[in-house]
Every structure is written in C-alpha cells, then in structure tokens.
Amino acid sequence: MRILLFTGKGGVGKSTIAAGTAALAAADGLRTLVLSTDAAHSLADAFATPVGSEPTEVAPRLFVQQVDAQLRFQQSWADIQHYLLSVLDVAGVDPVAAEELTVIPGAEEVLALLELRLHVLSGHWDVVVVDCAPTAETLRLLALPEALGWYMQRVFPAERRIVKALKPVLTRAAGVPMPGDDVFDAVERLHTELDEVHRLLTGPDASVRLVLTPESVVLAEARRSYTNLSLFGYRVDGVVANRIFPDGGDDAWRAGWVEAQRRVLDQVTESFAGLPVWRSEYRPVEPVGTEPLLALATEVYDGGDALAPPQGTGPFRVRRTERGAVLSLALPFVTSAEVDLARNGDELVLTVGSYRRLLTLPAGLNRFKVAGARVEQGQLRVRFLDPDAAASGPPRERAGR
C-alpha cells in the first residue's frame, strides 16, 4: 500500500496537486482515498462536489474524505477533557471558558492523523493520499508522536504510580480531583495510536511530497521543510513546482515573470539535487473537477510513475565499524554550526534551528561513547566508539545491519 503526503506553504496549490495525484492513481485502476487533515478543507472545492466526514466516491475507485477533526477530537480526548473540566470547575472557572481552555491548539489536526491510521490498517485501499496542513503545522503535527513517546517512556509510568498511591492524600491536600485510571488509560491509548501513525509514515511505503511555486520566499521555506522532515525521519521523495508561467512572448510584463521564475527554478533544481522535480504550468482556468485534475496530474508526471516507492534506506541509518559504529541522519542544507548535539543516557538530543528531536539510540549503541560528529554532504554523522575495542588503528567502516 502506498501513502503519499503533500505539504507546502499556504497558497501554493498543494490541495490541487494532491487531488490530481489521487485522480491519476484511481484512473490507473487503484482503489484510492484522498483525505485532508487541513482545517481549511479544500478538497470539496477542488473536486467541485460535496464531501463529508466519511469517504465519498467522486469517480470510479476515487474516494474523498475531509476528516471531521472535531469528532475525532471528542472520541480521543473526551476522558482527558472531562477530567480537566472537573479541575477547572473546582477552581471556579466559567464552564464556557473552561470548555475552550481544555482544547489544545492544533490538537484537532493532530488527531486527524488517527483517521489515516484506521484507513491504512483497514486494508481497503491501494493508495492513500493526504492533503496536509501548511508546512509549519505539518511539521508540528508529524513531530508530536515522537515527542509524546519520550514523555510516555520517561515520565508517565512514574506519574501514574505516584498519583495512584497518593490519590486520597493529594485530593484532600490540593482540593481538586486527581486523575483516575480512565484518564491515564486514555493518554496511553492516544500515545499508542500516534506512535503507530509515526511508524506508518516513516515506513518504506510512505513519503512526503513538497509543493512550491517558483518564488524565493516559498523556496526558502521548502528547503527548511526538507531539512526538518528529514530530522524527524520522514522521506521526501520529490518536489512539485506549481504555477509556472509559460513563455511570455511579446508581453514584457509576463516575460519579466518568466525570467524571474526561471532563476528560482534553477535554484530548485540545485537545492533538491537527487530528487525528481515535477513542473506544472499556470493554466488559463482553475483545474476544478475530476477530469481537469486528472489532466493536470498527467501533465505534471509526464508519463512517469507518480506512485513510485521512495528510494534509498531513509534519512536514518547505522553502520558498524571495526571500533564502533557511525550513525547517519540526512540533514540537507545544514552546516555543523547550525546543529547542536548532546547525549542524555540512551538518547541523542538534536537541535536544528527551532526544532529539537530526541533520538533514541539502538540498543546496541547504548554502551558506546560518542567519539565525534560532523555534517558533510547533507549528512550528520555521529561516530561511536566501543569501549572494548582496540584503541589503536584508524576505524574503517563496513556495512552492517
């Protein structure tokens, strides 16, 4: 089964490209679902047909769904929210205000990914195409499962034991109700589901496709997105350059735009060397409806395989050496000066710009010591030394499992 996620800066046409790709997959005979986790839901507009919170067939083998994030939020967050409301009630907070305070900003979009999990596990689909929220929201959304995993492994078990043991005392002392097993179970269930989403989206059948327009500001954001998606282990398998002006002819104004876009497109090719860069010309009318979207996608992929599986082994790998191991993580467009690296027990703490990842080391590296790190050719390489290995002789890498 193939999973494709489309994201990009707001307004670049990612919903249109996602919808067109899905239409192309369905036309090739694959049972295809395209769904939106973007709160702005544009898929119904793209297909020019009403779309609900359940998969709606808009063409043979092509189904569209705009996830009801509010409903998913209520299903997954209800027990936790009820507890929080009881605490705020004791504190005298107005019920209407309390309702708003217990809704975490962005949580609905995150929980919409749980719908993706259900569809993937159902086995009903050959292809699932996801129209994601704009770039910044997508990055926060995709980083959450791993961040929540750290809390669940390190803090949650102890917190649950302490509250269970001291619940009567804490309730009397604090004057507010302590969480019960139903709250802890809800948190644990939510973590398990999000962790499974993370495994699915970083697996060999899933990839992210960046959509951009040939503008310097948009390209800069796409480059940052590529770096940060790689940081969290997501494969980027290609870039779609959308809304390219055709030749300007005798129109000086349009000719100026064509030349400006050409310069940016040259930078796109250089920036994403090694990845396919698909192009889509600005069309005289909006591609609205299944047939125009199919025509758009046919032009974009130009006879190529729009669903080709991502190449390579993914952004993260470990190679054994004679004296230890080398951990490699793809970090395109980053220099050593932009990376902060620290070790905390069995984790590496990686900070790139405003994003931080806690990378749990494979069990085999737990007792190894960090011997050095550097960024070269778009790869962060961290060298680990086996304390039992011979201290003499330079380390030589060899392929490992």
Protein backbone atom coordinates (compact mmCIF):
# COMPACT_ATOMS: atom_id res chain seq x y z
CA MET A 1 0.00 0.00 0.00
CA ARG A 2 1.29 3.48 -0.90
CA ILE A 3 0.95 6.52 1.38
CA LEU A 4 1.67 9.98 -0.05
CA LEU A 5 1.57 13.19 1.98
CA PHE A 6 1.50 16.59 0.26
CA THR A 7 2.52 19.76 2.03
CA GLY A 8 3.85 23.21 1.27
CA LYS A 9 3.48 26.86 2.10
CA GLY A 10 -0.11 28.04 2.19
CA GLY A 11 -1.46 29.04 -1.21
CA VAL A 12 0.97 27.07 -3.43
CA GLY A 13 -1.71 24.65 -4.67
CA LYS A 14 -0.89 21.58 -2.60
CA SER A 15 -4.56 20.54 -2.36
CA THR A 16 -4.90 20.70 -6.15
CA ILE A 17 -1.73 18.65 -6.71
CA ALA A 18 -2.76 16.10 -4.07
CA ALA A 19 -6.22 15.77 -5.62
CA GLY A 20 -4.76 15.41 -9.11
CA THR A 21 -2.31 12.72 -7.99
CA ALA A 22 -5.16 10.78 -6.39
CA ALA A 23 -7.25 11.09 -9.55
CA LEU A 24 -4.33 9.73 -11.59
CA ALA A 25 -3.90 6.76 -9.24
CA ALA A 26 -7.61 5.91 -9.49
CA ALA A 27 -7.51 6.22 -13.29
CA ASP A 28 -4.69 3.66 -13.25
CA GLY A 29 -7.03 1.17 -11.59
CA LEU A 30 -6.01 1.61 -7.95
CA ARG A 31 -8.58 1.98 -5.18
CA THR A 32 -7.61 5.42 -3.92
CA LEU A 33 -8.54 7.58 -0.94
CA VAL A 34 -7.56 11.22 -0.70
CA LEU A 35 -8.18 12.86 2.65
CA SER A 36 -7.46 16.23 4.18
CA THR A 37 -6.04 16.94 7.63
CA ASP A 38 -6.03 20.68 6.87
CA ALA A 39 -8.61 22.59 8.91
CA ALA A 40 -9.17 24.79 5.83
CA HIS A 41 -10.51 21.74 3.85
CA SER A 42 -10.21 22.49 0.13
CA LEU A 43 -10.80 19.04 -1.36
CA ALA A 44 -14.55 19.53 -1.81
CA ASP A 45 -13.80 22.74 -3.72
CA ALA A 46 -11.12 21.02 -5.82
CA PHE A 47 -13.46 18.22 -6.88
CA ALA A 48 -16.48 20.56 -7.10
CA THR A 49 -18.64 18.10 -5.19
CA PRO A 50 -19.95 17.82 -1.62
CA VAL A 51 -17.58 15.79 0.56
CA GLY A 52 -18.34 14.65 4.08
CA SER A 53 -16.56 13.13 7.05
CA GLU A 54 -16.81 9.64 5.52
CA PRO A 55 -15.17 8.56 2.24
CA THR A 56 -17.27 9.81 -0.69
CA GLU A 57 -16.85 8.26 -4.15
CA VAL A 58 -16.39 11.07 -6.70
CA ALA A 59 -15.20 8.90 -9.61
CA PRO A 60 -14.60 5.18 -10.19
CA ARG A 61 -12.21 3.93 -7.48
CA LEU A 62 -11.62 7.50 -6.24
CA PHE A 63 -12.86 8.41 -2.77
CA VAL A 64 -12.53 11.74 -0.95
CA GLN A 65 -12.79 12.49 2.76
CA GLN A 66 -12.49 15.67 4.75
CA VAL A 67 -11.73 14.40 8.23
CA ASP A 68 -14.11 15.60 10.92
CA ALA A 69 -11.33 16.60 13.28
CA GLN A 70 -13.79 17.80 15.91
CA LEU A 71 -15.46 14.40 16.06
CA ARG A 72 -12.08 12.64 16.21
CA PHE A 73 -11.02 15.05 18.96
CA GLN A 74 -14.11 14.23 21.00
CA GLN A 75 -13.54 10.48 20.59
CA SER A 76 -9.86 10.52 21.55
CA TRP A 77 -9.79 13.41 24.03
CA ALA A 78 -13.13 13.04 25.83
CA ASP A 79 -11.87 11.28 29.01
CA ILE A 80 -8.94 13.66 29.35
CA GLN A 81 -11.12 16.70 28.71
CA HIS A 82 -13.72 15.63 31.29
CA TYR A 83 -11.01 15.40 33.92
CA LEU A 84 -9.62 18.82 33.04
CA LEU A 85 -13.11 20.30 33.16
CA SER A 86 -13.61 18.90 36.68
CA VAL A 87 -10.37 20.56 37.81
CA LEU A 88 -11.36 23.91 36.32
CA ASP A 89 -14.83 23.61 37.85
CA VAL A 90 -13.30 23.29 41.32
CA ALA A 91 -11.17 26.35 40.54
CA GLY A 92 -14.34 28.33 39.75
CA VAL A 93 -13.68 28.82 36.03
CA ASP A 94 -16.73 29.67 33.94
CA PRO A 95 -17.96 26.48 32.15
CA VAL A 96 -17.85 28.08 28.70
CA ALA A 97 -14.32 29.38 29.25
CA ALA A 98 -13.28 26.01 30.71
CA GLU A 99 -14.51 24.26 27.55
CA GLU A 100 -12.23 26.47 25.47
CA LEU A 101 -9.25 26.05 27.79
CA THR A 102 -9.35 22.25 27.52
CA VAL A 103 -9.00 22.30 23.73
CA ILE A 104 -5.29 22.24 22.93
CA PRO A 105 -4.48 24.44 19.89
CA GLY A 106 -3.68 22.24 16.92
CA ALA A 107 -4.84 19.05 18.62
CA GLU A 108 -7.68 18.52 16.16
CA GLU A 109 -5.30 18.46 13.20
CA VAL A 110 -3.01 16.03 15.01
CA LEU A 111 -5.85 13.70 15.90
CA ALA A 112 -6.99 13.77 12.27
CA LEU A 113 -3.94 11.60 11.58
CA LEU A 114 -5.62 8.86 13.59
CA GLU A 115 -8.18 8.64 10.79
CA LEU A 116 -5.29 7.92 8.43
CA ARG A 117 -4.18 5.09 10.69
CA LEU A 118 -7.62 3.48 10.59
CA HIS A 119 -7.75 3.63 6.80
CA VAL A 120 -4.26 2.16 6.39
CA LEU A 121 -4.99 -0.70 8.77
CA SER A 122 -8.36 -1.42 7.15
CA GLY A 123 -6.77 -2.86 4.01
CA HIS A 124 -9.49 -1.27 1.83
CA TRP A 125 -7.14 0.99 -0.14
CA ASP A 126 -4.24 0.62 -2.57
CA VAL A 127 -3.26 4.28 -2.23
CA VAL A 128 -3.92 6.89 0.46
CA VAL A 129 -3.11 10.49 -0.47
CA VAL A 130 -3.05 13.04 2.37
CA ASP A 131 -3.58 16.76 1.82
CA CYS A 132 -1.72 18.07 4.86
CA ALA A 133 -1.93 21.44 6.58
CA PRO A 134 0.56 24.15 5.52
CA THR A 135 4.20 23.42 6.24
CA ALA A 136 4.67 24.73 9.78
CA GLU A 137 1.54 22.99 11.07
CA THR A 138 2.52 19.77 9.31
CA LEU A 139 5.96 19.76 10.93
CA ARG A 140 4.49 20.23 14.39
CA LEU A 141 1.93 17.55 13.64
CA LEU A 142 4.50 14.99 12.44
CA ALA A 143 6.87 15.69 15.34
CA LEU A 144 4.26 15.07 18.05
CA PRO A 145 4.21 11.24 18.13
CA GLU A 146 7.93 11.03 18.91
CA ALA A 147 7.80 13.84 21.47
CA LEU A 148 4.84 12.22 23.24
CA GLY A 149 6.73 8.92 23.15
CA TRP A 150 9.53 10.43 25.24
CA TYR A 151 7.01 11.54 27.88
CA MET A 152 5.31 8.14 27.88
CA GLN A 153 8.57 6.25 28.38
CA ARG A 154 10.24 8.55 30.89
CA VAL A 155 7.58 10.34 32.93
CA PHE A 156 4.18 8.71 32.51
CA PRO A 157 4.79 5.38 34.34
CA ALA A 158 6.20 7.09 37.45
CA GLU A 159 3.50 9.76 37.40
CA ARG A 160 0.78 7.12 37.20
CA ARG A 161 2.21 5.13 40.13
CA ILE A 162 2.62 8.23 42.31
CA VAL A 163 -0.91 9.51 41.71
CA LYS A 164 -2.42 6.09 42.31
CA ALA A 165 -0.55 5.65 45.59
CA LEU A 166 -1.15 9.15 46.93
CA LYS A 167 -4.54 9.92 45.37
CA PRO A 168 -6.54 10.21 48.66
CA VAL A 169 -3.90 12.44 50.27
CA LEU A 170 -3.39 14.59 47.18
CA THR A 171 -7.12 15.06 46.66
CA ARG A 172 -7.61 16.28 50.24
CA ALA A 173 -4.48 18.43 50.25
CA ALA A 174 -4.94 20.04 46.85
CA GLY A 175 -8.71 20.30 46.97
CA VAL A 176 -9.02 19.17 43.34
CA PRO A 177 -9.76 15.72 41.93
CA MET A 178 -6.79 13.60 40.90
CA PRO A 179 -6.86 11.75 37.56
CA GLY A 180 -8.24 8.23 37.65
CA ASP A 181 -7.32 5.16 35.65
CA ASP A 182 -9.66 6.19 32.83
CA VAL A 183 -7.60 9.36 32.24
CA PHE A 184 -4.28 7.52 32.28
CA ASP A 185 -5.72 4.82 30.01
CA ALA A 186 -6.89 7.49 27.55
CA VAL A 187 -3.44 9.09 27.44
CA GLU A 188 -1.81 5.70 26.97
CA ARG A 189 -4.24 4.75 24.21
CA LEU A 190 -3.66 8.07 22.43
CA HIS A 191 0.09 7.58 22.57
CA THR A 192 -0.12 4.05 21.20
CA GLU A 193 -2.23 5.18 18.25
CA LEU A 194 0.01 8.17 17.44
CA ASP A 195 3.11 6.00 17.73
CA GLU A 196 1.61 3.65 15.16
CA VAL A 197 0.92 6.62 12.88
CA HIS A 198 4.59 7.60 13.17
CA ARG A 199 5.74 4.07 12.25
CA LEU A 200 3.43 4.01 9.22
CA LEU A 201 4.53 7.42 7.95
CA THR A 202 8.25 6.70 8.34
CA GLY A 203 7.95 3.24 6.79
CA PRO A 204 9.17 2.20 3.34
CA ASP A 205 5.78 2.73 1.64
CA ALA A 206 5.24 6.31 2.83
CA SER A 207 6.77 9.59 1.70
CA VAL A 208 6.21 13.34 1.70
CA ARG A 209 6.00 15.42 -1.48
CA LEU A 210 6.74 19.15 -1.28
CA VAL A 211 4.69 21.56 -3.37
CA LEU A 212 6.05 25.03 -4.11
CA THR A 213 5.71 27.93 -6.50
CA PRO A 214 8.84 29.42 -8.12
CA GLU A 215 9.29 32.27 -5.65
CA SER A 216 12.34 32.86 -3.47
CA VAL A 217 10.39 33.05 -0.20
CA VAL A 218 8.49 29.84 -0.98
CA LEU A 219 11.69 28.03 -1.99
CA ALA A 220 13.36 29.06 1.28
CA GLU A 221 10.50 27.54 3.28
CA ALA A 222 10.57 24.36 1.17
CA ARG A 223 14.28 23.95 1.90
CA ARG A 224 13.68 24.32 5.64
CA SER A 225 10.83 21.82 5.41
CA TYR A 226 13.09 19.30 3.70
CA THR A 227 15.64 19.65 6.49
CA ASN A 228 13.12 19.32 9.30
CA LEU A 229 11.16 16.46 7.76
CA SER A 230 14.46 14.58 7.41
CA LEU A 231 15.32 15.43 11.01
CA PHE A 232 12.21 13.58 12.20
CA GLY A 233 12.76 10.61 9.90
CA TYR A 234 10.27 11.34 7.10
CA ARG A 235 11.24 10.65 3.50
CA VAL A 236 10.82 13.43 0.94
CA ASP A 237 10.51 11.74 -2.45
CA GLY A 238 10.13 14.73 -4.75
CA VAL A 239 9.11 18.33 -5.35
CA VAL A 240 6.29 19.75 -7.46
CA ALA A 241 6.97 23.23 -8.87
CA ASN A 242 3.49 24.62 -9.49
CA ARG A 243 2.08 27.63 -11.37
CA ILE A 244 4.97 28.19 -13.75
CA PHE A 245 4.34 30.94 -16.28
CA PRO A 246 4.52 29.82 -19.94
CA ASP A 247 6.74 31.76 -22.34
CA GLY A 248 5.95 35.48 -22.20
CA GLY A 249 6.22 36.17 -25.94
CA ASP A 250 5.94 39.91 -26.66
CA ASP A 251 4.35 40.67 -23.30
CA ALA A 252 7.15 42.43 -21.39
CA TRP A 253 5.40 42.15 -18.03
CA ARG A 254 4.87 38.40 -18.34
CA ALA A 255 8.35 37.94 -19.83
CA GLY A 256 9.76 39.51 -16.66
CA TRP A 257 7.90 36.98 -14.53
CA VAL A 258 9.04 34.11 -16.74
CA GLU A 259 12.69 35.14 -16.29
CA ALA A 260 12.30 35.61 -12.52
CA GLN A 261 10.71 32.17 -12.20
CA ARG A 262 13.40 30.61 -14.38
CA ARG A 263 16.10 31.81 -11.96
CA VAL A 264 14.22 30.38 -8.99
CA LEU A 265 13.59 27.09 -10.84
CA ASP A 266 17.34 26.77 -11.41
CA GLN A 267 17.77 27.11 -7.65
CA VAL A 268 15.05 24.49 -7.05
CA THR A 269 16.94 22.02 -9.24
CA GLU A 270 20.18 22.72 -7.37
CA SER A 271 18.55 22.65 -3.93
CA PHE A 272 16.83 19.30 -4.42
CA ALA A 273 19.51 17.55 -6.45
CA GLY A 274 18.85 13.82 -6.45
CA LEU A 275 15.09 14.26 -6.13
CA PRO A 276 12.65 14.46 -9.04
CA VAL A 277 11.30 17.97 -9.63
CA TRP A 278 7.96 17.86 -11.43
CA ARG A 279 6.63 21.01 -13.12
CA SER A 280 3.15 22.36 -13.70
CA GLU A 281 2.45 25.39 -15.89
CA TYR A 282 -0.02 28.08 -14.88
CA ARG A 283 -3.30 27.12 -16.52
CA PRO A 284 -5.74 29.57 -18.11
CA VAL A 285 -8.53 28.31 -15.80
CA GLU A 286 -8.57 26.59 -12.42
CA PRO A 287 -8.42 22.78 -12.61
CA VAL A 288 -11.69 22.08 -10.78
CA GLY A 289 -13.35 18.68 -11.05
CA THR A 290 -12.02 15.17 -11.54
CA GLU A 291 -11.24 15.40 -15.26
CA PRO A 292 -9.30 18.72 -15.11
CA LEU A 293 -7.39 17.43 -12.05
CA LEU A 294 -6.54 14.22 -13.91
CA ALA A 295 -5.31 16.27 -16.89
CA LEU A 296 -3.16 18.37 -14.55
CA ALA A 297 -1.56 15.33 -12.91
CA THR A 298 -0.96 13.67 -16.28
CA GLU A 299 0.98 16.77 -17.36
CA VAL A 300 2.88 17.04 -14.08
CA TYR A 301 4.16 13.45 -14.02
CA ASP A 302 4.58 13.31 -17.81
CA GLY A 303 4.24 9.56 -18.18
CA GLY A 304 6.36 8.77 -15.10
CA ASP A 305 5.26 6.69 -12.14
CA ALA A 306 3.55 9.11 -9.77
CA LEU A 307 3.44 6.41 -7.08
CA ALA A 308 6.98 5.07 -7.36
CA PRO A 309 8.17 3.93 -3.91
CA PRO A 310 10.71 6.21 -2.23
CA GLN A 311 14.31 5.32 -2.97
CA GLY A 312 17.12 4.60 -0.51
CA THR A 313 17.11 3.46 3.07
CA GLY A 314 15.51 6.56 4.58
CA PRO A 315 17.02 9.53 6.41
CA PHE A 316 18.35 7.47 9.36
CA ARG A 317 20.81 4.55 9.36
CA VAL A 318 23.56 3.00 11.46
CA ARG A 319 26.72 1.39 10.05
CA ARG A 320 29.03 -0.81 12.11
CA THR A 321 32.76 -0.15 12.07
CA GLU A 322 35.70 -2.15 13.42
CA ARG A 323 35.87 0.06 16.50
CA GLY A 324 32.22 1.01 16.97
CA ALA A 325 29.54 2.48 14.72
CA VAL A 326 28.58 5.53 12.69
CA LEU A 327 25.06 6.94 12.90
CA SER A 328 23.97 8.95 9.85
CA LEU A 329 20.98 11.27 9.61
CA ALA A 330 20.07 13.24 6.49
CA LEU A 331 20.11 16.99 7.22
CA PRO A 332 20.05 18.77 3.86
CA PHE A 333 21.03 22.46 3.73
CA VAL A 334 22.52 22.39 7.24
CA THR A 335 26.07 23.13 8.40
CA SER A 336 27.80 21.84 11.52
CA ALA A 337 27.45 25.26 13.13
CA GLU A 338 23.63 25.02 12.91
CA VAL A 339 23.43 21.68 14.74
CA ASP A 340 23.56 21.29 18.49
CA LEU A 341 24.18 17.73 19.67
CA ALA A 342 24.12 16.33 23.19
CA ARG A 343 23.89 12.88 24.72
CA ASN A 344 21.49 12.06 27.52
CA GLY A 345 21.65 8.40 28.52
CA ASP A 346 20.40 6.31 25.61
CA GLU A 347 19.26 9.37 23.64
CA LEU A 348 20.82 11.92 21.34
CA VAL A 349 19.35 15.39 21.67
CA LEU A 350 19.49 17.05 18.24
CA THR A 351 18.60 20.72 17.81
CA VAL A 352 18.40 22.31 14.38
CA GLY A 353 17.06 25.85 14.42
CA SER A 354 13.80 25.88 16.40
CA TYR A 355 13.26 22.12 16.11
CA ARG A 356 14.54 19.56 18.59
CA ARG A 357 14.48 15.80 18.28
CA LEU A 358 15.15 13.25 21.00
CA LEU A 359 16.61 10.34 19.08
CA THR A 360 16.54 7.06 21.00
CA LEU A 361 19.66 5.10 20.16
CA PRO A 362 19.52 1.46 19.05
CA ALA A 363 20.12 -0.87 22.00
CA GLY A 364 23.46 -1.92 20.55
CA LEU A 365 24.84 1.62 20.90
CA ASN A 366 23.81 2.23 24.50
CA ARG A 367 27.20 1.41 25.95
CA PHE A 368 29.17 3.08 23.15
CA LYS A 369 30.71 6.50 23.66
CA VAL A 370 30.27 9.42 21.27
CA ALA A 371 33.68 9.95 19.66
CA GLY A 372 32.80 12.85 17.36
CA ALA A 373 30.25 14.34 14.99
CA ARG A 374 30.19 16.45 11.86
CA VAL A 375 27.91 17.45 8.99
CA GLU A 376 29.14 16.72 5.48
CA GLN A 377 27.33 16.50 2.16
CA GLY A 378 23.93 16.92 3.80
CA GLN A 379 24.51 14.16 6.37
CA LEU A 380 25.04 14.39 10.11
CA ARG A 381 27.50 11.64 11.02
CA VAL A 382 27.99 10.73 14.67
CA ARG A 383 30.85 8.35 15.46
CA PHE A 384 30.51 5.93 18.37
CA LEU A 385 33.42 4.11 19.96
CA ASP A 386 33.10 0.67 21.50
CA PRO A 387 34.94 0.91 24.85
CA ASP A 388 36.03 -2.73 24.46
CA ALA A 389 37.53 -2.18 21.00
CA ALA A 390 41.25 -1.86 20.46
CA ALA A 391 42.44 1.70 20.98
CA SER A 392 44.93 1.64 18.13
CA GLY A 393 44.44 2.00 14.41
CA PRO A 394 42.02 4.19 12.49
CA PRO A 395 38.42 2.99 12.33
CA ARG A 396 37.31 1.59 8.97
CA GLU A 397 33.61 1.47 8.13
CA ARG A 398 31.97 -1.67 6.90
CA ALA A 399 28.37 -2.34 6.05
CA GLY A 400 26.29 -3.52 8.96
CA ARG A 401 22.74 -4.42 9.71
